[in-house]
Amino acid sequence: MSELELLDRERRATERRIRQAKFEVVKSLDTFDFPAIPSLNKALVLDLARCEFIERKENILALGNSGTGKTHIALALGLAACQKGFRVRFTTAASLAHELIEAKDERRLMRFQKMLSSFELLIIDELGFVPLSKTGAELLFEVFSRRYERSATLVTSNLPFNEWTEAFGSERLTGALLDRLTHHVHILEMNGESYRLKDAGRNAR
């Protein structure tokens, strides 16, 4: 097989992984405005983009107020993982909880959980954005438990840790979840003025 054919096959495989990941939009680190979020450790983000954390089955938590680019960073790291040959899935906490409940009601929860486990990187965006139902919180916790030390998970949240109980509704569950999530973790602090608000202000002038 010629080099061109190999490159073409690799390109198609990458495109397939990007489609499977179900990104809302495709974003890369090249377009991220690092100077706008000085609290974010750029060197760490660039290091994570090498995707060795996936091989080491470590987690990433991107924490900060709304509009600071957490989703952009999550999408960019997800894209880097697809380009490096990893299977990735992107979802929000609310829609994943909804899918889990639906799968449970339709008696295909085991199958759905198994499918989720097959992704080497699972990105769960907007944890804490919408409070979860008791069932949703428990099923989501189970996903984290199954992935613990087996696969990498990236979570974005606009809540500081001490407010996660509000999203999960149970102190015991939240404590157990944080234990698993923060055991092997890279934390990206992303506090700063909201991008979106800044843009709106600029456009209003």
N, C-alpha and C. Protein backbone atom coordinates (compact mmCIF):
# COMPACT_ATOMS: atom_id res chain seq x y z
N MET A 1 0.85 -1.20 0.00
CA MET A 1 0.00 0.00 0.00
C MET A 1 0.89 1.25 0.00
N SER A 2 0.55 2.21 -0.87
CA SER A 2 1.40 3.39 -0.97
C SER A 2 1.20 4.30 0.25
N GLU A 3 2.14 5.21 0.41
CA GLU A 3 2.08 6.14 1.55
C GLU A 3 0.82 7.00 1.47
N LEU A 4 0.47 7.40 0.24
CA LEU A 4 -0.72 8.23 0.04
C LEU A 4 -1.98 7.49 0.49
N GLU A 5 -2.05 6.21 0.11
CA GLU A 5 -3.22 5.40 0.50
C GLU A 5 -3.30 5.27 2.03
N LEU A 6 -2.13 5.06 2.64
CA LEU A 6 -2.08 4.95 4.11
C LEU A 6 -2.57 6.23 4.77
N LEU A 7 -2.09 7.36 4.25
CA LEU A 7 -2.50 8.66 4.80
C LEU A 7 -4.00 8.86 4.65
N ASP A 8 -4.51 8.46 3.47
CA ASP A 8 -5.93 8.62 3.20
C ASP A 8 -6.76 7.74 4.15
N ARG A 9 -6.29 6.52 4.36
CA ARG A 9 -6.99 5.60 5.27
C ARG A 9 -7.00 6.17 6.70
N GLU A 10 -5.86 6.72 7.11
CA GLU A 10 -5.73 7.30 8.45
C GLU A 10 -6.66 8.51 8.59
N ARG A 11 -6.72 9.34 7.54
CA ARG A 11 -7.58 10.53 7.57
C ARG A 11 -9.05 10.12 7.71
N ARG A 12 -9.44 9.09 6.94
CA ARG A 12 -10.83 8.63 7.01
C ARG A 12 -11.15 8.05 8.39
N ALA A 13 -10.19 7.33 8.97
CA ALA A 13 -10.39 6.74 10.31
C ALA A 13 -10.56 7.86 11.34
N THR A 14 -9.76 8.92 11.21
CA THR A 14 -9.86 10.06 12.14
C THR A 14 -11.22 10.74 11.98
N GLU A 15 -11.64 10.94 10.74
CA GLU A 15 -12.96 11.56 10.50
C GLU A 15 -14.08 10.72 11.10
N ARG A 16 -13.93 9.40 10.99
CA ARG A 16 -14.95 8.51 11.56
C ARG A 16 -15.00 8.66 13.09
N ARG A 17 -13.81 8.72 13.72
CA ARG A 17 -13.76 8.87 15.18
C ARG A 17 -14.37 10.21 15.61
N ILE A 18 -14.14 11.25 14.80
CA ILE A 18 -14.69 12.58 15.13
C ILE A 18 -16.22 12.54 15.04
N ARG A 19 -16.74 11.85 14.01
CA ARG A 19 -18.21 11.71 13.88
C ARG A 19 -18.79 10.93 15.06
N GLN A 20 -18.12 9.83 15.42
CA GLN A 20 -18.58 8.99 16.54
C GLN A 20 -18.60 9.76 17.86
N ALA A 21 -17.69 10.73 17.99
CA ALA A 21 -17.55 11.46 19.26
C ALA A 21 -18.77 12.34 19.54
N LYS A 22 -19.52 12.69 18.49
CA LYS A 22 -20.73 13.52 18.63
C LYS A 22 -20.44 14.89 19.26
N PHE A 23 -19.34 15.51 18.83
CA PHE A 23 -19.04 16.87 19.30
C PHE A 23 -20.14 17.81 18.84
N GLU A 24 -20.47 18.80 19.70
CA GLU A 24 -21.48 19.80 19.29
C GLU A 24 -20.95 20.58 18.08
N VAL A 25 -19.68 20.99 18.21
CA VAL A 25 -18.95 21.64 17.11
C VAL A 25 -17.51 21.14 17.24
N VAL A 26 -16.74 21.27 16.17
CA VAL A 26 -15.34 20.85 16.26
C VAL A 26 -14.50 22.08 16.54
N LYS A 27 -13.75 22.04 17.64
CA LYS A 27 -12.90 23.18 18.00
C LYS A 27 -11.50 22.69 18.32
N SER A 28 -10.51 23.51 18.01
CA SER A 28 -9.13 23.12 18.32
C SER A 28 -8.50 24.13 19.27
N LEU A 29 -7.35 23.77 19.82
CA LEU A 29 -6.66 24.67 20.76
C LEU A 29 -6.12 25.91 20.05
N ASP A 30 -5.90 25.79 18.72
CA ASP A 30 -5.35 26.94 17.96
C ASP A 30 -6.23 28.17 18.09
N THR A 31 -7.54 27.96 18.25
CA THR A 31 -8.45 29.11 18.26
C THR A 31 -8.83 29.53 19.69
N PHE A 32 -8.16 28.94 20.70
CA PHE A 32 -8.50 29.31 22.08
C PHE A 32 -7.70 30.53 22.51
N ASP A 33 -8.39 31.49 23.12
CA ASP A 33 -7.75 32.74 23.55
C ASP A 33 -7.18 32.58 24.97
N PHE A 34 -5.99 32.01 25.06
CA PHE A 34 -5.38 31.76 26.38
C PHE A 34 -5.18 33.03 27.21
N PRO A 35 -4.71 34.16 26.61
CA PRO A 35 -4.50 35.36 27.42
C PRO A 35 -5.77 35.86 28.12
N ALA A 36 -6.95 35.51 27.55
CA ALA A 36 -8.21 35.97 28.15
C ALA A 36 -8.51 35.27 29.48
N ILE A 37 -7.92 34.09 29.69
CA ILE A 37 -8.16 33.33 30.93
C ILE A 37 -6.81 33.08 31.61
N PRO A 38 -6.26 34.11 32.28
CA PRO A 38 -4.91 33.97 32.86
C PRO A 38 -4.81 32.88 33.92
N SER A 39 -5.94 32.49 34.54
CA SER A 39 -5.88 31.46 35.58
C SER A 39 -5.63 30.06 34.99
N LEU A 40 -5.80 29.93 33.66
CA LEU A 40 -5.64 28.61 33.03
C LEU A 40 -4.16 28.35 32.73
N ASN A 41 -3.69 27.18 33.15
CA ASN A 41 -2.30 26.79 32.94
C ASN A 41 -2.13 26.28 31.50
N LYS A 42 -1.65 27.17 30.63
CA LYS A 42 -1.54 26.84 29.20
C LYS A 42 -0.59 25.66 28.97
N ALA A 43 0.54 25.64 29.69
CA ALA A 43 1.52 24.56 29.51
C ALA A 43 0.89 23.21 29.82
N LEU A 44 0.05 23.17 30.86
CA LEU A 44 -0.62 21.92 31.23
C LEU A 44 -1.59 21.49 30.13
N VAL A 45 -2.35 22.45 29.60
CA VAL A 45 -3.32 22.13 28.54
C VAL A 45 -2.59 21.55 27.31
N LEU A 46 -1.48 22.18 26.93
CA LEU A 46 -0.73 21.70 25.76
C LEU A 46 -0.15 20.32 26.02
N ASP A 47 0.26 20.08 27.26
CA ASP A 47 0.77 18.76 27.63
C ASP A 47 -0.35 17.72 27.56
N LEU A 48 -1.54 18.09 28.05
CA LEU A 48 -2.69 17.16 28.02
C LEU A 48 -3.10 16.84 26.58
N ALA A 49 -2.87 17.79 25.68
CA ALA A 49 -3.24 17.58 24.27
C ALA A 49 -2.39 16.47 23.63
N ARG A 50 -1.31 16.07 24.30
CA ARG A 50 -0.52 14.92 23.80
C ARG A 50 -1.24 13.61 24.13
N CYS A 51 -2.25 13.69 24.99
CA CYS A 51 -3.16 12.57 25.29
C CYS A 51 -2.54 11.41 26.06
N GLU A 52 -1.41 11.66 26.70
CA GLU A 52 -0.82 10.59 27.51
C GLU A 52 -1.68 10.29 28.74
N PHE A 53 -2.46 11.29 29.17
CA PHE A 53 -3.35 11.08 30.32
C PHE A 53 -4.37 9.99 30.03
N ILE A 54 -4.72 9.81 28.75
CA ILE A 54 -5.70 8.77 28.38
C ILE A 54 -5.06 7.40 28.56
N GLU A 55 -3.81 7.28 28.13
CA GLU A 55 -3.10 6.01 28.31
C GLU A 55 -2.94 5.68 29.79
N ARG A 56 -2.75 6.75 30.60
CA ARG A 56 -2.57 6.53 32.05
C ARG A 56 -3.91 6.43 32.79
N LYS A 57 -5.01 6.56 32.03
CA LYS A 57 -6.37 6.46 32.60
C LYS A 57 -6.61 7.49 33.71
N GLU A 58 -6.18 8.72 33.42
CA GLU A 58 -6.36 9.82 34.38
C GLU A 58 -7.54 10.69 33.96
N ASN A 59 -8.01 11.51 34.90
CA ASN A 59 -9.16 12.37 34.63
C ASN A 59 -8.74 13.84 34.51
N ILE A 60 -9.62 14.61 33.90
CA ILE A 60 -9.43 16.07 33.84
C ILE A 60 -10.70 16.73 34.34
N LEU A 61 -10.54 17.73 35.19
CA LEU A 61 -11.68 18.55 35.63
C LEU A 61 -11.41 19.98 35.20
N ALA A 62 -12.28 20.55 34.38
CA ALA A 62 -12.17 21.95 34.00
C ALA A 62 -13.24 22.70 34.79
N LEU A 63 -12.79 23.54 35.72
CA LEU A 63 -13.72 24.21 36.64
C LEU A 63 -13.63 25.72 36.46
N GLY A 64 -14.78 26.37 36.47
CA GLY A 64 -14.77 27.82 36.36
C GLY A 64 -16.16 28.33 36.04
N ASN A 65 -16.34 29.65 36.17
CA ASN A 65 -17.69 30.18 35.94
C ASN A 65 -18.07 30.09 34.46
N SER A 66 -19.34 30.34 34.19
CA SER A 66 -19.87 30.17 32.83
C SER A 66 -19.17 31.10 31.85
N GLY A 67 -19.02 30.60 30.62
CA GLY A 67 -18.50 31.46 29.55
C GLY A 67 -17.00 31.65 29.54
N THR A 68 -16.25 30.81 30.27
CA THR A 68 -14.79 30.99 30.29
C THR A 68 -14.06 30.02 29.36
N GLY A 69 -14.82 29.31 28.54
CA GLY A 69 -14.18 28.47 27.52
C GLY A 69 -13.93 27.03 27.93
N LYS A 70 -14.61 26.57 28.99
CA LYS A 70 -14.41 25.17 29.44
C LYS A 70 -14.80 24.18 28.35
N THR A 71 -15.94 24.43 27.70
CA THR A 71 -16.42 23.52 26.65
C THR A 71 -15.44 23.52 25.47
N HIS A 72 -14.92 24.71 25.14
CA HIS A 72 -13.95 24.82 24.04
C HIS A 72 -12.73 23.94 24.34
N ILE A 73 -12.20 24.04 25.56
CA ILE A 73 -11.02 23.24 25.94
C ILE A 73 -11.36 21.75 25.88
N ALA A 74 -12.56 21.39 26.38
CA ALA A 74 -12.98 19.98 26.37
C ALA A 74 -13.09 19.46 24.94
N LEU A 75 -13.69 20.25 24.05
CA LEU A 75 -13.84 19.85 22.65
C LEU A 75 -12.46 19.73 21.97
N ALA A 76 -11.57 20.66 22.28
CA ALA A 76 -10.24 20.66 21.66
C ALA A 76 -9.42 19.44 22.11
N LEU A 77 -9.50 19.10 23.39
CA LEU A 77 -8.78 17.92 23.88
C LEU A 77 -9.40 16.64 23.31
N GLY A 78 -10.73 16.67 23.15
CA GLY A 78 -11.43 15.53 22.53
C GLY A 78 -10.99 15.34 21.08
N LEU A 79 -10.85 16.46 20.36
CA LEU A 79 -10.41 16.40 18.96
C LEU A 79 -8.98 15.86 18.89
N ALA A 80 -8.12 16.34 19.79
CA ALA A 80 -6.72 15.86 19.81
C ALA A 80 -6.69 14.34 20.05
N ALA A 81 -7.57 13.87 20.93
CA ALA A 81 -7.63 12.43 21.23
C ALA A 81 -8.08 11.64 20.00
N CYS A 82 -9.08 12.15 19.27
CA CYS A 82 -9.54 11.48 18.04
C CYS A 82 -8.39 11.41 17.03
N GLN A 83 -7.64 12.50 16.92
CA GLN A 83 -6.54 12.55 15.95
C GLN A 83 -5.41 11.59 16.34
N LYS A 84 -5.33 11.26 17.63
CA LYS A 84 -4.29 10.34 18.09
C LYS A 84 -4.78 8.90 18.12
N GLY A 85 -6.01 8.67 17.63
CA GLY A 85 -6.48 7.29 17.49
C GLY A 85 -7.33 6.77 18.64
N PHE A 86 -7.73 7.65 19.57
CA PHE A 86 -8.55 7.21 20.70
C PHE A 86 -10.04 7.34 20.37
N ARG A 87 -10.83 6.46 20.97
CA ARG A 87 -12.29 6.56 20.81
C ARG A 87 -12.83 7.51 21.88
N VAL A 88 -13.59 8.49 21.44
CA VAL A 88 -14.05 9.58 22.32
C VAL A 88 -15.55 9.73 22.22
N ARG A 89 -16.18 10.11 23.33
CA ARG A 89 -17.61 10.45 23.27
C ARG A 89 -17.82 11.74 24.06
N PHE A 90 -18.55 12.68 23.46
CA PHE A 90 -18.84 13.95 24.10
C PHE A 90 -20.34 14.01 24.42
N THR A 91 -20.67 14.45 25.63
CA THR A 91 -22.08 14.61 26.00
C THR A 91 -22.18 15.61 27.14
N THR A 92 -23.39 16.07 27.43
CA THR A 92 -23.55 16.91 28.63
C THR A 92 -24.06 16.01 29.76
N ALA A 93 -23.85 16.46 30.99
CA ALA A 93 -24.29 15.66 32.15
C ALA A 93 -25.80 15.42 32.10
N ALA A 94 -26.56 16.46 31.74
CA ALA A 94 -28.02 16.34 31.71
C ALA A 94 -28.47 15.35 30.65
N SER A 95 -27.88 15.41 29.45
CA SER A 95 -28.35 14.49 28.41
C SER A 95 -27.86 13.07 28.66
N LEU A 96 -26.69 12.92 29.29
CA LEU A 96 -26.23 11.57 29.62
C LEU A 96 -27.14 10.94 30.69
N ALA A 97 -27.50 11.73 31.69
CA ALA A 97 -28.42 11.23 32.72
C ALA A 97 -29.75 10.82 32.08
N HIS A 98 -30.22 11.63 31.14
CA HIS A 98 -31.47 11.34 30.44
C HIS A 98 -31.36 10.04 29.63
N GLU A 99 -30.25 9.87 28.92
CA GLU A 99 -30.03 8.65 28.12
C GLU A 99 -29.95 7.41 29.02
N LEU A 100 -29.31 7.57 30.18
CA LEU A 100 -29.18 6.44 31.12
C LEU A 100 -30.54 6.02 31.66
N ILE A 101 -31.36 7.02 32.03
CA ILE A 101 -32.70 6.72 32.56
C ILE A 101 -33.54 6.02 31.49
N GLU A 102 -33.44 6.54 30.25
CA GLU A 102 -34.19 5.96 29.14
C GLU A 102 -33.77 4.50 28.92
N ALA A 103 -32.45 4.27 28.95
CA ALA A 103 -31.91 2.91 28.75
C ALA A 103 -32.39 1.98 29.86
N LYS A 104 -32.45 2.52 31.08
CA LYS A 104 -32.92 1.70 32.22
C LYS A 104 -34.39 1.33 32.03
N ASP A 105 -35.20 2.33 31.65
CA ASP A 105 -36.63 2.09 31.43
C ASP A 105 -36.87 1.08 30.32
N GLU A 106 -35.99 1.09 29.32
CA GLU A 106 -36.16 0.19 28.17
C GLU A 106 -35.38 -1.12 28.33
N ARG A 107 -34.88 -1.35 29.55
CA ARG A 107 -34.14 -2.58 29.88
C ARG A 107 -32.93 -2.85 28.99
N ARG A 108 -32.24 -1.76 28.65
CA ARG A 108 -31.00 -1.95 27.87
C ARG A 108 -29.86 -1.18 28.53
N LEU A 109 -29.97 -1.03 29.84
CA LEU A 109 -28.96 -0.25 30.58
C LEU A 109 -27.57 -0.89 30.50
N MET A 110 -27.53 -2.21 30.68
CA MET A 110 -26.23 -2.91 30.64
C MET A 110 -25.53 -2.67 29.31
N ARG A 111 -26.31 -2.76 28.24
CA ARG A 111 -25.75 -2.59 26.89
C ARG A 111 -25.22 -1.17 26.71
N PHE A 112 -26.01 -0.20 27.20
CA PHE A 112 -25.62 1.20 27.07
C PHE A 112 -24.36 1.48 27.90
N GLN A 113 -24.31 0.93 29.11
CA GLN A 113 -23.13 1.12 29.97
C GLN A 113 -21.88 0.52 29.32
N LYS A 114 -22.07 -0.64 28.71
CA LYS A 114 -20.95 -1.32 28.04
C LYS A 114 -20.44 -0.47 26.88
N MET A 115 -21.39 0.12 26.14
CA MET A 115 -21.01 0.98 25.02
C MET A 115 -20.22 2.19 25.53
N LEU A 116 -20.67 2.79 26.64
CA LEU A 116 -19.96 3.94 27.21
C LEU A 116 -18.55 3.55 27.65
N SER A 117 -18.43 2.35 28.20
CA SER A 117 -17.12 1.87 28.67
C SER A 117 -16.12 1.68 27.53
N SER A 118 -16.64 1.53 26.30
CA SER A 118 -15.74 1.28 25.18
C SER A 118 -15.00 2.56 24.74
N PHE A 119 -15.46 3.72 25.22
CA PHE A 119 -14.78 4.97 24.85
C PHE A 119 -13.60 5.20 25.78
N GLU A 120 -12.43 5.44 25.16
CA GLU A 120 -11.23 5.62 25.99
C GLU A 120 -11.23 6.98 26.68
N LEU A 121 -11.98 7.93 26.10
CA LEU A 121 -12.16 9.24 26.75
C LEU A 121 -13.64 9.60 26.69
N LEU A 122 -14.23 9.80 27.85
CA LEU A 122 -15.63 10.25 27.92
C LEU A 122 -15.61 11.68 28.43
N ILE A 123 -16.21 12.59 27.66
CA ILE A 123 -16.25 14.00 28.05
C ILE A 123 -17.67 14.32 28.51
N ILE A 124 -17.79 14.75 29.76
CA ILE A 124 -19.11 15.10 30.31
C ILE A 124 -19.10 16.60 30.62
N ASP A 125 -19.82 17.34 29.79
CA ASP A 125 -19.83 18.80 29.87
C ASP A 125 -20.96 19.28 30.79
N GLU A 126 -20.74 20.44 31.40
CA GLU A 126 -21.80 21.12 32.17
C GLU A 126 -22.35 20.33 33.35
N LEU A 127 -21.49 19.68 34.10
CA LEU A 127 -21.95 19.00 35.31
C LEU A 127 -22.34 20.07 36.34
N GLY A 128 -23.54 19.94 36.88
CA GLY A 128 -23.98 20.92 37.88
C GLY A 128 -24.77 22.07 37.28
N PHE A 129 -24.84 22.11 35.95
CA PHE A 129 -25.58 23.17 35.27
C PHE A 129 -27.07 23.00 35.53
N VAL A 130 -27.50 21.75 35.50
CA VAL A 130 -28.91 21.41 35.75
C VAL A 130 -28.91 20.39 36.89
N PRO A 131 -29.71 20.61 37.95
CA PRO A 131 -29.77 19.61 39.02
C PRO A 131 -30.29 18.28 38.47
N LEU A 132 -29.73 17.18 38.95
CA LEU A 132 -30.11 15.87 38.43
C LEU A 132 -31.18 15.24 39.31
N SER A 133 -32.00 14.38 38.71
CA SER A 133 -32.96 13.62 39.52
C SER A 133 -32.17 12.59 40.33
N LYS A 134 -32.79 12.01 41.34
CA LYS A 134 -32.11 11.02 42.19
C LYS A 134 -31.61 9.85 41.32
N THR A 135 -32.49 9.35 40.44
CA THR A 135 -32.12 8.23 39.56
C THR A 135 -31.00 8.64 38.62
N GLY A 136 -31.13 9.82 38.03
CA GLY A 136 -30.10 10.32 37.10
C GLY A 136 -28.75 10.43 37.78
N ALA A 137 -28.74 10.97 39.00
CA ALA A 137 -27.49 11.14 39.76
C ALA A 137 -26.85 9.78 40.05
N GLU A 138 -27.69 8.82 40.45
CA GLU A 138 -27.16 7.48 40.79
C GLU A 138 -26.59 6.78 39.56
N LEU A 139 -27.29 6.91 38.44
CA LEU A 139 -26.82 6.25 37.20
C LEU A 139 -25.54 6.90 36.68
N LEU A 140 -25.46 8.23 36.83
CA LEU A 140 -24.26 8.94 36.40
C LEU A 140 -23.08 8.54 37.29
N PHE A 141 -23.35 8.41 38.57
CA PHE A 141 -22.31 7.98 39.51
C PHE A 141 -21.77 6.60 39.10
N GLU A 142 -22.68 5.74 38.68
CA GLU A 142 -22.28 4.39 38.26
C GLU A 142 -21.33 4.44 37.05
N VAL A 143 -21.59 5.38 36.13
CA VAL A 143 -20.72 5.55 34.97
C VAL A 143 -19.30 5.91 35.43
N PHE A 144 -19.21 6.88 36.36
CA PHE A 144 -17.90 7.29 36.88
C PHE A 144 -17.22 6.12 37.58
N SER A 145 -17.99 5.35 38.35
CA SER A 145 -17.43 4.21 39.09
C SER A 145 -16.85 3.18 38.14
N ARG A 146 -17.58 2.89 37.07
CA ARG A 146 -17.12 1.88 36.11
C ARG A 146 -15.84 2.33 35.41
N ARG A 147 -15.70 3.64 35.22
CA ARG A 147 -14.54 4.15 34.48
C ARG A 147 -13.32 4.32 35.40
N TYR A 148 -13.55 4.33 36.69
CA TYR A 148 -12.48 4.60 37.67
C TYR A 148 -11.29 3.67 37.47
N GLU A 149 -10.13 4.25 37.19
CA GLU A 149 -8.88 3.52 36.96
C GLU A 149 -8.93 2.58 35.75
N ARG A 150 -9.99 2.68 34.93
CA ARG A 150 -10.07 1.86 33.72
C ARG A 150 -9.99 2.71 32.46
N SER A 151 -10.56 3.91 32.52
CA SER A 151 -10.57 4.81 31.35
C SER A 151 -10.56 6.25 31.83
N ALA A 152 -10.23 7.15 30.91
CA ALA A 152 -10.15 8.59 31.24
C ALA A 152 -11.50 9.27 31.08
N THR A 153 -11.75 10.23 31.98
CA THR A 153 -13.00 11.01 31.92
C THR A 153 -12.64 12.48 32.06
N LEU A 154 -13.26 13.31 31.23
CA LEU A 154 -13.05 14.76 31.33
C LEU A 154 -14.39 15.39 31.70
N VAL A 155 -14.40 16.17 32.77
CA VAL A 155 -15.64 16.79 33.24
C VAL A 155 -15.48 18.30 33.29
N THR A 156 -16.47 19.03 32.78
CA THR A 156 -16.45 20.49 32.98
C THR A 156 -17.59 20.84 33.93
N SER A 157 -17.34 21.81 34.81
CA SER A 157 -18.38 22.22 35.76
C SER A 157 -18.20 23.68 36.13
N ASN A 158 -19.34 24.37 36.29
CA ASN A 158 -19.26 25.76 36.74
C ASN A 158 -19.41 25.85 38.27
N LEU A 159 -19.45 24.67 38.93
CA LEU A 159 -19.61 24.66 40.38
C LEU A 159 -18.30 24.31 41.08
N PRO A 160 -17.97 25.03 42.18
CA PRO A 160 -16.84 24.58 43.00
C PRO A 160 -17.24 23.28 43.70
N PHE A 161 -16.24 22.48 44.10
CA PHE A 161 -16.52 21.17 44.70
C PHE A 161 -17.54 21.22 45.83
N ASN A 162 -17.45 22.28 46.66
CA ASN A 162 -18.36 22.31 47.82
C ASN A 162 -19.82 22.52 47.45
N GLU A 163 -20.09 22.77 46.15
CA GLU A 163 -21.49 22.94 45.72
C GLU A 163 -21.98 21.77 44.87
N TRP A 164 -21.13 20.74 44.70
CA TRP A 164 -21.54 19.60 43.87
C TRP A 164 -22.71 18.84 44.47
N THR A 165 -22.85 18.90 45.79
CA THR A 165 -23.98 18.20 46.43
C THR A 165 -25.30 18.72 45.89
N GLU A 166 -25.34 20.01 45.54
CA GLU A 166 -26.58 20.60 45.01
C GLU A 166 -26.98 19.92 43.71
N ALA A 167 -25.98 19.55 42.90
CA ALA A 167 -26.28 18.90 41.61
C ALA A 167 -26.68 17.44 41.83
N PHE A 168 -26.01 16.78 42.77
CA PHE A 168 -26.24 15.33 42.96
C PHE A 168 -27.28 15.03 44.04
N GLY A 169 -27.60 16.03 44.83
CA GLY A 169 -28.68 15.86 45.81
C GLY A 169 -28.34 14.96 46.99
N SER A 170 -27.14 14.40 47.05
CA SER A 170 -26.79 13.51 48.15
C SER A 170 -25.33 13.72 48.52
N GLU A 171 -25.08 14.00 49.79
CA GLU A 171 -23.71 14.23 50.23
C GLU A 171 -22.86 12.97 50.09
N ARG A 172 -23.46 11.83 50.43
CA ARG A 172 -22.73 10.56 50.38
C ARG A 172 -22.28 10.25 48.94
N LEU A 173 -23.22 10.42 48.02
CA LEU A 173 -22.94 10.15 46.60
C LEU A 173 -21.87 11.11 46.08
N THR A 174 -22.01 12.40 46.43
CA THR A 174 -21.05 13.41 45.96
C THR A 174 -19.66 13.12 46.50
N GLY A 175 -19.58 12.75 47.77
CA GLY A 175 -18.28 12.43 48.38
C GLY A 175 -17.61 11.27 47.68
N ALA A 176 -18.40 10.22 47.42
CA ALA A 176 -17.86 9.02 46.75
C ALA A 176 -17.43 9.35 45.32
N LEU A 177 -18.22 10.19 44.66
CA LEU A 177 -17.90 10.59 43.28
C LEU A 177 -16.59 11.37 43.24
N LEU A 178 -16.46 12.36 44.14
CA LEU A 178 -15.25 13.18 44.16
C LEU A 178 -14.01 12.35 44.50
N ASP A 179 -14.19 11.38 45.37
CA ASP A 179 -13.07 10.47 45.69
C ASP A 179 -12.53 9.83 44.43
N ARG A 180 -13.44 9.31 43.59
CA ARG A 180 -13.02 8.61 42.37
C ARG A 180 -12.48 9.58 41.32
N LEU A 181 -13.18 10.70 41.17
CA LEU A 181 -12.79 11.64 40.12
C LEU A 181 -11.46 12.31 40.39
N THR A 182 -11.19 12.61 41.67
CA THR A 182 -10.00 13.41 41.98
C THR A 182 -8.79 12.56 42.36
N HIS A 183 -8.91 11.24 42.25
CA HIS A 183 -7.79 10.39 42.62
C HIS A 183 -6.59 10.57 41.67
N HIS A 184 -6.83 10.43 40.37
CA HIS A 184 -5.77 10.69 39.38
C HIS A 184 -6.31 11.80 38.49
N VAL A 185 -6.05 13.06 38.85
CA VAL A 185 -6.76 14.13 38.15
C VAL A 185 -5.84 15.31 37.81
N HIS A 186 -6.17 15.95 36.70
CA HIS A 186 -5.54 17.23 36.34
C HIS A 186 -6.66 18.27 36.44
N ILE A 187 -6.45 19.28 37.26
CA ILE A 187 -7.52 20.29 37.42
C ILE A 187 -7.15 21.55 36.63
N LEU A 188 -8.06 21.97 35.77
CA LEU A 188 -7.87 23.20 35.00
C LEU A 188 -8.73 24.28 35.62
N GLU A 189 -8.09 25.25 36.25
CA GLU A 189 -8.83 26.37 36.86
C GLU A 189 -9.12 27.37 35.76
N MET A 190 -10.40 27.65 35.55
CA MET A 190 -10.75 28.55 34.45
C MET A 190 -11.66 29.66 34.93
N ASN A 191 -11.15 30.43 35.88
CA ASN A 191 -11.97 31.55 36.34
C ASN A 191 -11.49 32.83 35.71
N GLY A 192 -12.42 33.62 35.31
CA GLY A 192 -12.09 34.88 34.65
C GLY A 192 -13.38 35.49 34.17
N GLU A 193 -13.28 36.60 33.50
CA GLU A 193 -14.48 37.24 32.97
C GLU A 193 -15.04 36.36 31.85
N SER A 194 -16.36 36.27 31.78
CA SER A 194 -16.99 35.44 30.76
C SER A 194 -16.64 35.95 29.37
N TYR A 195 -16.15 35.03 28.52
CA TYR A 195 -15.92 35.33 27.10
C TYR A 195 -17.15 35.94 26.47
N ARG A 196 -18.27 35.23 26.72
CA ARG A 196 -19.51 35.59 26.02
C ARG A 196 -19.95 37.00 26.43
N LEU A 197 -19.82 37.30 27.73
CA LEU A 197 -20.22 38.62 28.21
C LEU A 197 -19.30 39.69 27.60
N LYS A 198 -18.01 39.33 27.55
CA LYS A 198 -17.02 40.28 27.00
C LYS A 198 -17.35 40.58 25.54
N ASP A 199 -17.66 39.51 24.78
CA ASP A 199 -18.01 39.68 23.38
C ASP A 199 -19.26 40.53 23.21
N ALA A 200 -20.25 40.25 24.09
CA ALA A 200 -21.51 40.99 24.01
C ALA A 200 -21.25 42.47 24.27
N GLY A 201 -20.38 42.74 25.25
CA GLY A 201 -20.05 44.12 25.60
C GLY A 201 -19.37 44.81 24.43
N ARG A 202 -18.47 44.07 23.77
CA ARG A 202 -17.72 44.62 22.64
C ARG A 202 -18.67 44.93 21.49
N ASN A 203 -19.62 43.99 21.27
CA ASN A 203 -20.55 44.18 20.14
C ASN A 203 -21.55 45.30 20.42
N ALA A 204 -21.80 45.56 21.70
CA ALA A 204 -22.81 46.57 22.05
C ALA A 204 -22.25 47.99 21.84
N ARG A 205 -20.89 48.08 21.85
CA ARG A 205 -20.31 49.43 21.71
C ARG A 205 -20.54 50.01 20.33
